[in-house]
């Protein structure tokens, strides 16, 4: 058994049972909806169906990152057990949670000088962040030291590709992310924006593709172009979706038909409530290991 805890934030968007099985404690972001506060607790406080139904009905959730005091409360029990901590955060390109974790780190390392806390920026989000945690847990379970896992994370985190598309622009319009006219034109023309995550962990719009069938083919084409070993890719592939499982399943079927050497069937997860507060329903995201993200 390792003498350190590998931990993350709830925004890695993996199932609660997965984190429990892999021994990865997570700290929860929060969100506010219709005047009430909820934890981003992987669908426990509010089911994902209820969450996205309420957004479709017009609710506009507002998110809140984990603050330094919450990190202190989350980290301290592990330190009291004599464990060091390796915590990986949501991308700094999307959130300031890395800074909150670092404030807690400084406070606790002063209080527990014999213990070590390392904070790493995943430069990822949702189940792409989850895929990075999965690979780090594999290394930990194989006996790698905390230092070895830290080095691997820094050297390999940009090899996790995040490609995603949205078939519903209404939430982007309501949230002010696109103009009403752009949303109207996009809806009329059946535009599905294809986006990815850049080398600095920000979400970038890459292409505007007409039609769901075309964007599904194109997102898998991006995997063909970038996956490690090309069509001989033998790693894992995760997909997350926000209330559009059938679209996610179509992507998964195409991936499984294109990459026969996958180490496991494609895992389909839900986009969590914090990430989903920004995407709304209708988003499918594809995650795999590939060449290094450079732009």
Protein backbone atom coordinates (compact mmCIF):
# COMPACT_ATOMS: atom_id res chain seq x y z
CA UNK A 1 0.00 0.00 0.00
CA UNK A 2 1.29 3.46 -0.92
CA UNK A 3 2.04 6.03 1.80
CA UNK A 4 0.31 8.86 -0.07
CA UNK A 5 -3.23 9.73 -1.11
CA UNK A 6 -4.03 10.47 -4.73
CA UNK A 7 -6.94 12.93 -4.72
CA UNK A 8 -8.84 15.13 -7.14
CA UNK A 9 -11.86 17.42 -7.55
CA UNK A 10 -15.40 16.30 -8.37
CA UNK A 11 -15.03 17.94 -11.79
CA UNK A 12 -13.14 14.87 -13.02
CA UNK A 13 -16.68 13.63 -13.80
CA UNK A 14 -16.28 9.95 -13.04
CA UNK A 15 -18.92 7.84 -11.26
CA UNK A 16 -18.89 7.80 -7.46
CA UNK A 17 -18.42 4.01 -7.51
CA UNK A 18 -15.38 4.41 -9.76
CA UNK A 19 -13.61 6.75 -7.31
CA UNK A 20 -14.43 4.44 -4.42
CA UNK A 21 -13.13 1.37 -6.26
CA UNK A 22 -9.90 3.13 -7.30
CA UNK A 23 -9.32 4.66 -3.88
CA UNK A 24 -9.35 8.27 -5.08
CA UNK A 25 -11.00 10.68 -2.61
CA UNK A 26 -12.50 13.78 -4.24
CA UNK A 27 -13.47 17.21 -2.99
CA UNK A 28 -16.73 18.69 -4.25
CA UNK A 29 -17.30 21.94 -6.08
CA UNK A 30 -20.70 23.55 -5.44
CA UNK A 31 -23.42 25.12 -7.54
CA UNK A 32 -26.50 27.24 -6.90
CA UNK A 33 -29.77 26.60 -8.68
CA UNK A 34 -33.10 28.33 -8.05
CA UNK A 35 -31.74 29.91 -4.88
CA UNK A 36 -30.47 26.69 -3.32
CA UNK A 37 -26.91 25.44 -2.88
CA UNK A 38 -25.93 21.94 -3.95
CA UNK A 39 -22.70 19.97 -3.92
CA UNK A 40 -21.29 18.68 -7.19
CA UNK A 41 -21.38 15.20 -5.68
CA UNK A 42 -21.60 13.04 -8.80
CA UNK A 43 -25.37 12.96 -9.01
CA UNK A 44 -26.07 12.11 -5.36
CA UNK A 45 -27.88 15.29 -4.23
CA UNK A 46 -29.64 15.76 -7.55
CA UNK A 47 -29.80 13.22 -10.34
CA UNK A 48 -28.23 14.23 -13.63
CA UNK A 49 -31.62 13.83 -15.33
CA UNK A 50 -33.27 16.26 -12.91
CA UNK A 51 -30.37 18.68 -13.25
CA UNK A 52 -30.52 18.85 -17.05
CA UNK A 53 -34.33 18.85 -17.11
CA UNK A 54 -34.28 21.94 -14.91
CA UNK A 55 -31.77 23.66 -17.19
CA UNK A 56 -33.92 22.80 -20.21
CA UNK A 57 -36.83 24.41 -18.38
CA UNK A 58 -34.85 27.64 -17.99
CA UNK A 59 -32.81 27.29 -14.78
CA UNK A 60 -29.37 28.95 -14.87
CA UNK A 61 -27.07 27.34 -12.28
CA UNK A 62 -24.09 29.30 -10.96
CA UNK A 63 -20.97 27.42 -9.88
CA UNK A 64 -18.60 27.89 -6.96
CA UNK A 65 -15.09 26.43 -6.79
CA UNK A 66 -13.59 24.74 -3.75
CA UNK A 67 -12.08 27.42 -1.49
CA UNK A 68 -8.94 27.20 0.63
CA UNK A 69 -10.78 26.43 3.87
CA UNK A 70 -12.61 23.54 2.23
CA UNK A 71 -9.31 22.18 0.96
CA UNK A 72 -7.85 22.38 4.47
CA UNK A 73 -10.80 20.37 5.81
CA UNK A 74 -10.44 17.86 2.97
CA UNK A 75 -6.66 17.40 3.24
CA UNK A 76 -6.11 17.47 6.99
CA UNK A 77 -7.58 14.04 7.90
CA UNK A 78 -5.11 12.35 5.54
CA UNK A 79 -2.20 14.23 7.11
CA UNK A 80 -3.36 13.18 10.57
CA UNK A 81 -3.25 9.58 9.35
CA UNK A 82 0.40 10.10 8.39
CA UNK A 83 -0.26 10.25 4.65
CA UNK A 84 1.27 12.58 2.10
CA UNK A 85 -1.09 14.00 -0.55
CA UNK A 86 -0.90 14.30 -4.33
CA UNK A 87 -3.86 16.40 -5.44
CA UNK A 88 -4.69 17.06 -9.10
CA UNK A 89 -6.99 20.00 -9.87
CA UNK A 90 -9.33 21.07 -12.62
CA UNK A 91 -7.53 23.04 -15.36
CA UNK A 92 -6.32 26.52 -14.47
CA UNK A 93 -7.64 27.52 -17.90
CA UNK A 94 -11.16 27.06 -16.53
CA UNK A 95 -10.99 27.74 -12.79
CA UNK A 96 -8.97 29.31 -10.00
CA UNK A 97 -9.25 26.17 -7.86
CA UNK A 98 -5.52 25.43 -8.25
CA UNK A 99 -4.72 28.64 -6.36
CA UNK A 100 -7.14 27.71 -3.56
CA UNK A 101 -5.46 24.32 -3.22
CA UNK A 102 -2.03 25.98 -3.06
CA UNK A 103 -3.16 28.31 -0.26
CA UNK A 104 -4.33 25.28 1.74
CA UNK A 105 -1.09 23.48 0.91
CA UNK A 106 1.03 26.29 2.35
CA UNK A 107 -1.06 26.49 5.53
CA UNK A 108 -0.99 22.76 6.18
CA UNK A 109 2.65 22.17 5.36
CA UNK A 110 3.51 24.84 7.92
CA UNK A 111 1.32 23.02 10.44
CA UNK A 112 2.59 19.52 9.47
CA UNK A 113 6.24 20.07 8.43
CA UNK A 114 6.94 16.33 8.18
CA UNK A 115 4.19 15.78 5.64
CA UNK A 116 4.17 16.62 1.94
CA UNK A 117 1.37 17.99 -0.23
CA UNK A 118 1.84 18.37 -3.99
CA UNK A 119 -0.70 20.21 -6.15
CA UNK A 120 -0.76 19.57 -9.90
CA UNK A 121 -2.79 21.37 -12.56
CA UNK A 122 -4.43 18.72 -14.78
CA UNK A 123 -4.90 21.13 -17.70
CA UNK A 124 -7.99 19.01 -18.25
CA UNK A 125 -11.65 18.73 -17.37
CA UNK A 126 -14.53 16.30 -17.08
CA UNK A 127 -13.73 12.68 -17.92
CA UNK A 128 -10.50 13.75 -19.66
CA UNK A 129 -9.33 14.85 -16.24
CA UNK A 130 -10.80 11.54 -15.08
CA UNK A 131 -8.72 9.62 -17.63
CA UNK A 132 -5.58 11.31 -16.32
CA UNK A 133 -6.53 10.28 -12.77
CA UNK A 134 -7.18 6.73 -13.94
CA UNK A 135 -3.70 6.45 -15.42
CA UNK A 136 -2.11 8.00 -12.33
CA UNK A 137 -3.96 5.46 -10.16
CA UNK A 138 -2.60 2.65 -12.34
CA UNK A 139 0.93 3.89 -11.67
CA UNK A 140 0.25 4.20 -7.94
CA UNK A 141 -1.16 0.69 -7.82
CA UNK A 142 1.89 -0.63 -9.66
CA UNK A 143 4.06 0.69 -6.82
CA UNK A 144 5.18 4.07 -8.18
CA UNK A 145 6.22 6.62 -5.56
CA UNK A 146 4.48 9.97 -5.24
CA UNK A 147 7.47 11.64 -6.86
CA UNK A 148 7.33 9.23 -9.79
CA UNK A 149 3.61 9.81 -10.29
CA UNK A 150 4.13 13.60 -10.10
CA UNK A 151 6.82 13.44 -12.77
CA UNK A 152 4.65 11.27 -15.00
CA UNK A 153 1.68 13.62 -14.63
CA UNK A 154 3.69 16.69 -15.59
CA UNK A 155 5.23 14.89 -18.58
CA UNK A 156 2.03 13.30 -19.87
CA UNK A 157 -0.98 15.46 -18.99
CA UNK A 158 -0.93 17.23 -22.36
CA UNK A 159 -1.26 13.87 -24.10
CA UNK A 160 -4.87 13.60 -22.89
CA UNK A 161 -7.04 14.86 -25.75
CA UNK A 162 -10.40 16.52 -25.11
CA UNK A 163 -12.70 16.88 -28.14
CA UNK A 164 -16.35 17.79 -27.77
CA UNK A 165 -19.37 19.10 -29.63
CA UNK A 166 -22.74 20.57 -28.73
CA UNK A 167 -26.05 20.02 -30.50
CA UNK A 168 -27.96 22.51 -28.32
CA UNK A 169 -26.93 26.16 -28.41
CA UNK A 170 -29.75 27.48 -26.23
CA UNK A 171 -27.80 27.30 -22.96
CA UNK A 172 -24.79 29.00 -24.55
CA UNK A 173 -27.15 31.81 -25.57
CA UNK A 174 -28.83 32.06 -22.15
CA UNK A 175 -25.44 32.16 -20.46
CA UNK A 176 -24.17 34.93 -22.75
CA UNK A 177 -21.46 32.74 -24.29
CA UNK A 178 -22.83 33.36 -27.77
CA UNK A 179 -25.16 36.07 -29.04
CA UNK A 180 -28.85 35.47 -29.62
CA UNK A 181 -28.35 36.03 -33.36
CA UNK A 182 -25.47 33.53 -33.51
CA UNK A 183 -27.55 30.97 -31.65
CA UNK A 184 -30.50 31.53 -33.98
CA UNK A 185 -28.39 31.20 -37.13
CA UNK A 186 -26.58 28.18 -35.70
CA UNK A 187 -29.87 26.49 -34.87
CA UNK A 188 -31.40 27.23 -38.28
CA UNK A 189 -28.31 25.90 -40.08
CA UNK A 190 -28.00 22.94 -37.69
CA UNK A 191 -24.48 24.02 -36.68
CA UNK A 192 -22.70 21.80 -34.13
CA UNK A 193 -19.51 23.52 -32.92
CA UNK A 194 -16.55 21.13 -32.59
CA UNK A 195 -14.22 22.24 -29.79
CA UNK A 196 -11.18 20.99 -27.93
CA UNK A 197 -8.91 21.85 -25.04
CA UNK A 198 -5.72 23.74 -25.81
CA UNK A 199 -2.22 23.23 -24.40
CA UNK A 200 -2.97 25.77 -21.65
CA UNK A 201 -6.20 24.10 -20.60
CA UNK A 202 -8.68 26.44 -22.26
CA UNK A 203 -11.69 25.49 -24.38
CA UNK A 204 -11.25 26.49 -28.02
CA UNK A 205 -13.79 26.37 -30.83
CA UNK A 206 -12.14 24.66 -33.81
CA UNK A 207 -14.80 24.02 -36.45
CA UNK A 208 -18.47 24.72 -37.18
CA UNK A 209 -19.99 21.58 -38.63
CA UNK A 210 -23.48 21.25 -40.06
CA UNK A 211 -25.44 18.29 -38.80
CA UNK A 212 -25.15 15.80 -35.97
CA UNK A 213 -24.13 12.90 -38.21
CA UNK A 214 -21.23 14.88 -39.65
CA UNK A 215 -19.95 16.13 -36.30
CA UNK A 216 -20.05 12.60 -34.85
CA UNK A 217 -17.93 11.37 -37.75
CA UNK A 218 -15.57 14.32 -37.42
CA UNK A 219 -14.96 13.94 -33.68
CA UNK A 220 -13.92 10.32 -34.23
CA UNK A 221 -11.77 11.45 -37.15
CA UNK A 222 -9.90 13.68 -34.69
CA UNK A 223 -9.16 10.57 -32.65
CA UNK A 224 -7.88 8.81 -35.76
CA UNK A 225 -5.56 11.75 -36.42
CA UNK A 226 -4.24 12.20 -32.90
CA UNK A 227 -4.51 8.91 -30.98
CA UNK A 228 -1.31 7.23 -29.83
CA UNK A 229 -0.44 4.46 -32.34
CA UNK A 230 -3.17 5.67 -34.68
CA UNK A 231 -5.76 3.00 -35.46
CA UNK A 232 -3.71 0.59 -33.35
CA UNK A 233 -4.51 2.66 -30.24
CA UNK A 234 -4.57 0.28 -27.30
CA UNK A 235 -5.37 2.61 -24.41
CA UNK A 236 -8.66 3.60 -22.79
CA UNK A 237 -11.29 5.92 -24.20
CA UNK A 238 -13.81 7.82 -22.07
CA UNK A 239 -16.85 9.79 -23.21
CA UNK A 240 -18.98 12.16 -21.17
CA UNK A 241 -22.38 13.50 -22.16
CA UNK A 242 -24.92 16.00 -20.87
CA UNK A 243 -28.37 14.44 -21.23
CA UNK A 244 -27.68 13.03 -24.72
CA UNK A 245 -26.67 9.44 -24.10
CA UNK A 246 -27.80 8.21 -27.53
CA UNK A 247 -25.42 10.63 -29.25
CA UNK A 248 -22.62 9.53 -26.92
CA UNK A 249 -23.40 5.88 -27.69
CA UNK A 250 -23.15 6.58 -31.43
CA UNK A 251 -19.71 8.09 -30.90
CA UNK A 252 -18.68 5.14 -28.73
CA UNK A 253 -19.86 2.63 -31.35
CA UNK A 254 -17.85 4.41 -34.04
CA UNK A 255 -14.77 4.53 -31.82
CA UNK A 256 -15.04 0.84 -30.96
CA UNK A 257 -15.46 -0.02 -34.64
CA UNK A 258 -12.44 2.09 -35.62
CA UNK A 259 -10.04 1.08 -32.84
CA UNK A 260 -10.21 -2.72 -32.36
CA UNK A 261 -7.29 -2.79 -29.91
CA UNK A 262 -8.88 -0.64 -27.17
CA UNK A 263 -7.87 -1.96 -23.77
CA UNK A 264 -11.50 -1.82 -22.60
CA UNK A 265 -14.92 -0.87 -23.98
CA UNK A 266 -15.53 2.87 -24.16
CA UNK A 267 -16.72 4.20 -20.78
CA UNK A 268 -19.63 6.64 -21.07
CA UNK A 269 -20.12 9.03 -18.13
CA UNK A 270 -22.34 12.01 -17.41
CA UNK A 271 -20.99 15.53 -17.58
CA UNK A 272 -21.19 16.59 -13.95
CA UNK A 273 -23.28 19.40 -12.56
CA UNK A 274 -20.49 21.99 -12.44
CA UNK A 275 -19.15 21.43 -15.95
CA UNK A 276 -22.74 20.94 -17.10
CA UNK A 277 -23.71 24.32 -15.64
CA UNK A 278 -21.57 25.84 -18.38
CA UNK A 279 -22.36 23.48 -21.26
CA UNK A 280 -26.03 22.80 -20.68
CA UNK A 281 -27.58 19.69 -22.27
CA UNK A 282 -26.55 18.35 -25.67
CA UNK A 283 -22.75 18.10 -25.24
CA UNK A 284 -20.71 15.00 -26.05
CA UNK A 285 -17.01 14.92 -25.14
CA UNK A 286 -14.43 12.35 -26.30
CA UNK A 287 -11.20 11.68 -24.37
CA UNK A 288 -8.19 9.57 -25.31
CA UNK A 289 -4.38 9.48 -25.13
CA UNK A 290 -2.59 10.91 -28.14
CA UNK A 291 0.12 13.23 -29.38
CA UNK A 292 1.00 16.23 -27.26
CA UNK A 293 -1.42 19.16 -27.38
CA UNK A 294 0.55 22.12 -28.73
CA UNK A 295 -2.00 24.84 -29.48
